[in-house]
Amino acid sequence: MKTDKLSADIKEFLGRQATVIFLDTSRKFVGLLETEDISKEEFYSKAHIAILELYLAGHKLEQIELKYSPDDRDFDRDAIFEHKNVGQISELGAEAFYWEVFDPRYSEKDGQPDTGWVVTDREASQGWLIDDFEDIYRDLKIELLKIDSIGTDEAVEDALWNFKWSFVNHWGQHAVNAIRYFHYLTYDGKPTI
């Protein structure tokens, strides 16, 4: 990443410890998913650590205020995206499915859902580790490419803003689901791979 043409405030934000750690962790996660030759066991072991570190880094990342990137910014995410995920996730198979409750905060009184809830909010649904990783990968990869390939104040600021926004509103949930999956895979003693 070249920073010589960036404004001082963007450089300062990029130099913050939380930002440096987040970018490094994101690059490692993306790199793992782009690894072509890795055993399933090694992938699972590394992915478990990578997703834990990524979630923590996303949590600690600060939200940048938009100064250079207008509200109507239009980066063509599909044109920017380079899908190089040729790694293990496409080969995980049936064991990559898991069960979850969509929103674990569901609340009811006397057998009836509290205000704002419906009974179906407590029903289990099926998740898929492959979908979790694909969505996280795409969200991170696009923003990293904006920083590395475009590298303008507008693109870098937009990428930094989207990293935190998508953590809060999208990929953070996928990471939580993957973390829960890996916890049970690692510690419950049932052979699945």
C-alpha atoms as a PDB file:
ATOM      1  CA  MET A   1       0.000   0.000   0.000  1.00  0.00           C
ATOM      2  CA  LYS A   2       1.433   3.342  -1.050  1.00  0.00           C
ATOM      3  CA  THR A   3       0.558   6.168   1.303  1.00  0.00           C
ATOM      4  CA  ASP A   4       2.702   8.996  -0.090  1.00  0.00           C
ATOM      5  CA  LYS A   5      -0.247  10.611  -1.924  1.00  0.00           C
ATOM      6  CA  LEU A   6      -2.728  10.286   0.923  1.00  0.00           C
ATOM      7  CA  SER A   7      -3.767  13.168   3.143  1.00  0.00           C
ATOM      8  CA  ALA A   8      -2.283  13.461   6.628  1.00  0.00           C
ATOM      9  CA  ASP A   9      -5.521  12.491   8.414  1.00  0.00           C
ATOM     10  CA  ILE A  10      -5.966   9.319   6.333  1.00  0.00           C
ATOM     11  CA  LYS A  11      -2.319   8.400   6.981  1.00  0.00           C
ATOM     12  CA  GLU A  12      -2.859   9.001  10.692  1.00  0.00           C
ATOM     13  CA  PHE A  13      -5.917   6.714  10.754  1.00  0.00           C
ATOM     14  CA  LEU A  14      -4.018   4.038   8.826  1.00  0.00           C
ATOM     15  CA  GLY A  15      -1.196   4.288  11.365  1.00  0.00           C
ATOM     16  CA  ARG A  16      -3.396   3.695  14.398  1.00  0.00           C
ATOM     17  CA  GLN A  17      -2.625   0.429  16.144  1.00  0.00           C
ATOM     18  CA  ALA A  18      -6.193  -0.904  15.818  1.00  0.00           C
ATOM     19  CA  THR A  19      -6.216  -0.140  12.076  1.00  0.00           C
ATOM     20  CA  VAL A  20      -2.799  -1.717  11.491  1.00  0.00           C
ATOM     21  CA  ILE A  21      -3.846  -4.864  13.355  1.00  0.00           C
ATOM     22  CA  PHE A  22      -7.176  -5.041  11.529  1.00  0.00           C
ATOM     23  CA  LEU A  23      -5.589  -4.681   8.088  1.00  0.00           C
ATOM     24  CA  ASP A  24      -2.930  -7.265   8.907  1.00  0.00           C
ATOM     25  CA  THR A  25      -5.504  -9.692  10.284  1.00  0.00           C
ATOM     26  CA  SER A  26      -7.777  -9.157   7.259  1.00  0.00           C
ATOM     27  CA  ARG A  27      -4.920  -9.835   4.859  1.00  0.00           C
ATOM     28  CA  LYS A  28      -4.019 -13.035   6.724  1.00  0.00           C
ATOM     29  CA  PHE A  29      -7.638 -14.238   6.638  1.00  0.00           C
ATOM     30  CA  VAL A  30      -7.979 -13.499   2.924  1.00  0.00           C
ATOM     31  CA  GLY A  31      -4.598 -15.132   2.289  1.00  0.00           C
ATOM     32  CA  LEU A  32      -5.681 -18.280   4.120  1.00  0.00           C
ATOM     33  CA  LEU A  33      -8.830 -18.540   2.022  1.00  0.00           C
ATOM     34  CA  GLU A  34      -6.760 -18.066  -1.135  1.00  0.00           C
ATOM     35  CA  THR A  35      -4.300 -20.824  -0.193  1.00  0.00           C
ATOM     36  CA  GLU A  36      -4.457 -23.508  -2.847  1.00  0.00           C
ATOM     37  CA  ASP A  37      -2.665 -26.441  -1.251  1.00  0.00           C
ATOM     38  CA  ILE A  38      -3.672 -27.025   2.359  1.00  0.00           C
ATOM     39  CA  SER A  39      -5.121 -30.069   4.096  1.00  0.00           C
ATOM     40  CA  LYS A  40      -8.590 -29.879   5.585  1.00  0.00           C
ATOM     41  CA  GLU A  41      -7.236 -30.425   9.102  1.00  0.00           C
ATOM     42  CA  GLU A  42      -4.637 -27.650   8.738  1.00  0.00           C
ATOM     43  CA  PHE A  43      -7.230 -25.348   7.188  1.00  0.00           C
ATOM     44  CA  TYR A  44      -9.646 -25.878  10.071  1.00  0.00           C
ATOM     45  CA  SER A  45      -6.925 -25.262  12.633  1.00  0.00           C
ATOM     46  CA  LYS A  46      -5.713 -22.055  10.980  1.00  0.00           C
ATOM     47  CA  ALA A  47      -9.232 -20.844  10.150  1.00  0.00           C
ATOM     48  CA  HIS A  48     -10.307 -21.172  13.792  1.00  0.00           C
ATOM     49  CA  ILE A  49      -7.475 -18.899  14.923  1.00  0.00           C
ATOM     50  CA  ALA A  50      -7.896 -16.527  11.970  1.00  0.00           C
ATOM     51  CA  ILE A  51     -11.616 -15.974  12.557  1.00  0.00           C
ATOM     52  CA  LEU A  52     -11.095 -15.344  16.273  1.00  0.00           C
ATOM     53  CA  GLU A  53      -8.366 -12.784  15.574  1.00  0.00           C
ATOM     54  CA  LEU A  54     -10.400 -11.175  12.794  1.00  0.00           C
ATOM     55  CA  TYR A  55     -13.483 -10.745  14.979  1.00  0.00           C
ATOM     56  CA  LEU A  56     -11.462  -9.151  17.781  1.00  0.00           C
ATOM     57  CA  ALA A  57      -9.694  -6.837  15.319  1.00  0.00           C
ATOM     58  CA  GLY A  58     -13.037  -5.834  13.773  1.00  0.00           C
ATOM     59  CA  HIS A  59     -14.441  -5.115  17.217  1.00  0.00           C
ATOM     60  CA  LYS A  60     -11.490  -2.866  18.084  1.00  0.00           C
ATOM     61  CA  LEU A  61     -11.409  -1.051  14.728  1.00  0.00           C
ATOM     62  CA  GLU A  62     -12.620   2.538  15.046  1.00  0.00           C
ATOM     63  CA  GLN A  63     -15.227   4.038  12.715  1.00  0.00           C
ATOM     64  CA  ILE A  64     -13.671   6.686  10.482  1.00  0.00           C
ATOM     65  CA  GLU A  65     -15.653   9.847   9.813  1.00  0.00           C
ATOM     66  CA  LEU A  66     -16.345  10.437   6.124  1.00  0.00           C
ATOM     67  CA  LYS A  67     -14.617  13.547   4.834  1.00  0.00           C
ATOM     68  CA  TYR A  68     -13.354  12.665   1.343  1.00  0.00           C
ATOM     69  CA  SER A  69     -15.851  10.032   0.294  1.00  0.00           C
ATOM     70  CA  PRO A  70     -19.281  11.539  -0.432  1.00  0.00           C
ATOM     71  CA  ASP A  71     -22.520   9.874   0.653  1.00  0.00           C
ATOM     72  CA  ASP A  72     -23.304   9.054  -2.960  1.00  0.00           C
ATOM     73  CA  ARG A  73     -19.921   7.382  -3.510  1.00  0.00           C
ATOM     74  CA  ASP A  74     -20.088   4.751  -6.184  1.00  0.00           C
ATOM     75  CA  PHE A  75     -17.348   2.171  -6.187  1.00  0.00           C
ATOM     76  CA  ASP A  76     -18.408  -0.698  -8.409  1.00  0.00           C
ATOM     77  CA  ARG A  77     -17.863  -3.501  -5.910  1.00  0.00           C
ATOM     78  CA  ASP A  78     -18.433  -6.224  -8.500  1.00  0.00           C
ATOM     79  CA  ALA A  79     -15.849  -4.719 -10.870  1.00  0.00           C
ATOM     80  CA  ILE A  80     -13.320  -4.329  -8.042  1.00  0.00           C
ATOM     81  CA  PHE A  81     -13.771  -7.835  -6.637  1.00  0.00           C
ATOM     82  CA  GLU A  82     -11.129 -10.379  -7.586  1.00  0.00           C
ATOM     83  CA  HIS A  83     -12.377 -13.784  -6.535  1.00  0.00           C
ATOM     84  CA  LYS A  84      -9.269 -15.816  -5.851  1.00  0.00           C
ATOM     85  CA  ASN A  85     -10.796 -18.102  -3.275  1.00  0.00           C
ATOM     86  CA  VAL A  86      -9.558 -21.414  -4.561  1.00  0.00           C
ATOM     87  CA  GLY A  87      -8.785 -22.755  -1.116  1.00  0.00           C
ATOM     88  CA  GLN A  88     -10.327 -25.339   1.105  1.00  0.00           C
ATOM     89  CA  ILE A  89     -13.747 -23.818   1.771  1.00  0.00           C
ATOM     90  CA  SER A  90     -15.260 -25.034  -1.491  1.00  0.00           C
ATOM     91  CA  GLU A  91     -14.319 -28.598  -0.484  1.00  0.00           C
ATOM     92  CA  LEU A  92     -15.558 -28.663   3.108  1.00  0.00           C
ATOM     93  CA  GLY A  93     -18.591 -30.755   2.323  1.00  0.00           C
ATOM     94  CA  ALA A  94     -21.603 -31.640   4.438  1.00  0.00           C
ATOM     95  CA  GLU A  95     -19.847 -31.056   7.765  1.00  0.00           C
ATOM     96  CA  ALA A  96     -19.842 -27.332   6.990  1.00  0.00           C
ATOM     97  CA  PHE A  97     -23.582 -27.109   7.812  1.00  0.00           C
ATOM     98  CA  TYR A  98     -24.652 -26.176  11.343  1.00  0.00           C
ATOM     99  CA  TRP A  99     -27.745 -25.185  13.293  1.00  0.00           C
ATOM    100  CA  GLU A 100     -28.350 -21.819  14.915  1.00  0.00           C
ATOM    101  CA  VAL A 101     -31.013 -19.524  16.268  1.00  0.00           C
ATOM    102  CA  PHE A 102     -31.135 -16.355  14.223  1.00  0.00           C
ATOM    103  CA  ASP A 103     -31.406 -13.949  17.161  1.00  0.00           C
ATOM    104  CA  PRO A 104     -30.544 -15.430  20.562  1.00  0.00           C
ATOM    105  CA  ARG A 105     -32.091 -12.441  22.403  1.00  0.00           C
ATOM    106  CA  TYR A 106     -35.626 -13.719  21.725  1.00  0.00           C
ATOM    107  CA  SER A 107     -37.901 -12.936  24.664  1.00  0.00           C
ATOM    108  CA  GLU A 108     -41.341 -14.101  25.708  1.00  0.00           C
ATOM    109  CA  LYS A 109     -43.691 -13.940  28.682  1.00  0.00           C
ATOM    110  CA  ASP A 110     -46.260 -16.572  29.565  1.00  0.00           C
ATOM    111  CA  GLY A 111     -45.453 -18.481  26.374  1.00  0.00           C
ATOM    112  CA  GLN A 112     -46.091 -15.486  24.105  1.00  0.00           C
ATOM    113  CA  PRO A 113     -43.465 -13.461  22.249  1.00  0.00           C
ATOM    114  CA  ASP A 114     -42.636 -10.070  23.753  1.00  0.00           C
ATOM    115  CA  THR A 115     -43.339  -6.928  21.744  1.00  0.00           C
ATOM    116  CA  GLY A 116     -41.396  -6.899  18.479  1.00  0.00           C
ATOM    117  CA  TRP A 117     -40.828 -10.662  18.417  1.00  0.00           C
ATOM    118  CA  VAL A 118     -42.587 -13.522  16.635  1.00  0.00           C
ATOM    119  CA  VAL A 119     -42.452 -17.196  17.555  1.00  0.00           C
ATOM    120  CA  THR A 120     -40.356 -18.010  14.494  1.00  0.00           C
ATOM    121  CA  ASP A 121     -37.543 -15.825  15.902  1.00  0.00           C
ATOM    122  CA  ARG A 122     -36.718 -18.667  18.291  1.00  0.00           C
ATOM    123  CA  GLU A 123     -36.734 -21.437  15.699  1.00  0.00           C
ATOM    124  CA  ALA A 124     -33.487 -22.995  14.599  1.00  0.00           C
ATOM    125  CA  SER A 125     -32.184 -22.367  11.110  1.00  0.00           C
ATOM    126  CA  GLN A 126     -29.353 -23.932   9.217  1.00  0.00           C
ATOM    127  CA  GLY A 127     -26.124 -22.059   8.632  1.00  0.00           C
ATOM    128  CA  TRP A 128     -23.268 -22.926   6.333  1.00  0.00           C
ATOM    129  CA  LEU A 129     -19.610 -22.276   7.084  1.00  0.00           C
ATOM    130  CA  ILE A 130     -18.922 -21.955   3.360  1.00  0.00           C
ATOM    131  CA  ASP A 131     -21.414 -19.075   3.104  1.00  0.00           C
ATOM    132  CA  ASP A 132     -19.940 -17.446   6.213  1.00  0.00           C
ATOM    133  CA  PHE A 133     -16.423 -17.546   4.812  1.00  0.00           C
ATOM    134  CA  GLU A 134     -17.479 -16.460   1.315  1.00  0.00           C
ATOM    135  CA  ASP A 135     -19.300 -13.409   2.665  1.00  0.00           C
ATOM    136  CA  ILE A 136     -16.466 -12.408   4.998  1.00  0.00           C
ATOM    137  CA  TYR A 137     -13.929 -12.965   2.232  1.00  0.00           C
ATOM    138  CA  ARG A 138     -15.847 -10.814  -0.257  1.00  0.00           C
ATOM    139  CA  ASP A 139     -16.428  -7.955   2.197  1.00  0.00           C
ATOM    140  CA  LEU A 140     -12.758  -7.845   3.191  1.00  0.00           C
ATOM    141  CA  LYS A 141     -11.268  -8.451  -0.252  1.00  0.00           C
ATOM    142  CA  ILE A 142     -13.153  -5.617  -1.941  1.00  0.00           C
ATOM    143  CA  GLU A 143     -12.098  -3.073   0.672  1.00  0.00           C
ATOM    144  CA  LEU A 144      -8.483  -4.264   0.656  1.00  0.00           C
ATOM    145  CA  LEU A 145      -8.432  -3.878  -3.123  1.00  0.00           C
ATOM    146  CA  LYS A 146      -9.766  -0.322  -2.832  1.00  0.00           C
ATOM    147  CA  ILE A 147      -6.879   0.484  -0.497  1.00  0.00           C
ATOM    148  CA  ASP A 148      -4.187  -1.365  -2.440  1.00  0.00           C
ATOM    149  CA  SER A 149      -5.262  -0.773  -6.032  1.00  0.00           C
ATOM    150  CA  ILE A 150      -7.060   2.569  -6.048  1.00  0.00           C
ATOM    151  CA  GLY A 151      -5.327   4.147  -3.073  1.00  0.00           C
ATOM    152  CA  THR A 152      -6.913   7.623  -3.188  1.00  0.00           C
ATOM    153  CA  ASP A 153      -8.145   9.460  -0.091  1.00  0.00           C
ATOM    154  CA  GLU A 154     -11.709   8.753  -1.191  1.00  0.00           C
ATOM    155  CA  ALA A 155     -11.125   5.025  -1.816  1.00  0.00           C
ATOM    156  CA  VAL A 156      -9.094   4.417   1.347  1.00  0.00           C
ATOM    157  CA  GLU A 157     -11.523   6.323   3.543  1.00  0.00           C
ATOM    158  CA  ASP A 158     -14.470   4.503   1.966  1.00  0.00           C
ATOM    159  CA  ALA A 159     -12.755   1.148   2.524  1.00  0.00           C
ATOM    160  CA  LEU A 160     -11.979   1.935   6.165  1.00  0.00           C
ATOM    161  CA  TRP A 161     -15.552   3.097   6.746  1.00  0.00           C
ATOM    162  CA  ASN A 162     -16.957  -0.049   5.089  1.00  0.00           C
ATOM    163  CA  PHE A 163     -14.716  -2.356   7.113  1.00  0.00           C
ATOM    164  CA  LYS A 164     -16.349  -1.207  10.353  1.00  0.00           C
ATOM    165  CA  TRP A 165     -19.852  -0.852   8.907  1.00  0.00           C
ATOM    166  CA  SER A 166     -19.817  -4.340   7.409  1.00  0.00           C
ATOM    167  CA  PHE A 167     -18.383  -5.780  10.636  1.00  0.00           C
ATOM    168  CA  VAL A 168     -21.307  -4.322  12.590  1.00  0.00           C
ATOM    169  CA  ASN A 169     -23.973  -5.090   9.977  1.00  0.00           C
ATOM    170  CA  HIS A 170     -22.832  -8.139   8.010  1.00  0.00           C
ATOM    171  CA  TRP A 171     -19.613 -10.087   8.266  1.00  0.00           C
ATOM    172  CA  GLY A 172     -19.402  -9.806  12.061  1.00  0.00           C
ATOM    173  CA  GLN A 173     -22.472 -12.058  12.344  1.00  0.00           C
ATOM    174  CA  HIS A 174     -20.925 -14.540   9.926  1.00  0.00           C
ATOM    175  CA  ALA A 175     -17.756 -14.514  12.051  1.00  0.00           C
ATOM    176  CA  VAL A 176     -19.741 -15.182  15.243  1.00  0.00           C
ATOM    177  CA  ASN A 177     -21.454 -18.131  13.573  1.00  0.00           C
ATOM    178  CA  ALA A 178     -18.124 -19.519  12.346  1.00  0.00           C
ATOM    179  CA  ILE A 179     -16.577 -19.078  15.797  1.00  0.00           C
ATOM    180  CA  ARG A 180     -19.430 -21.040  17.374  1.00  0.00           C
ATOM    181  CA  TYR A 181     -19.019 -23.746  14.715  1.00  0.00           C
ATOM    182  CA  PHE A 182     -15.279 -24.010  15.398  1.00  0.00           C
ATOM    183  CA  HIS A 183     -15.779 -24.061  19.154  1.00  0.00           C
ATOM    184  CA  TYR A 184     -17.964 -27.141  18.921  1.00  0.00           C
ATOM    185  CA  LEU A 185     -15.790 -28.725  16.242  1.00  0.00           C
ATOM    186  CA  THR A 186     -12.692 -28.304  18.407  1.00  0.00           C
ATOM    187  CA  TYR A 187     -13.994 -28.988  21.901  1.00  0.00           C
ATOM    188  CA  ASP A 188     -17.052 -31.241  21.922  1.00  0.00           C
ATOM    189  CA  GLY A 189     -15.211 -34.470  21.079  1.00  0.00           C
ATOM    190  CA  LYS A 190     -17.481 -35.588  18.239  1.00  0.00           C
ATOM    191  CA  PRO A 191     -15.535 -36.625  15.124  1.00  0.00           C
ATOM    192  CA  THR A 192     -16.806 -34.714  12.087  1.00  0.00           C
ATOM    193  CA  ILE A 193     -13.852 -34.324   9.748  1.00  0.00           C
END
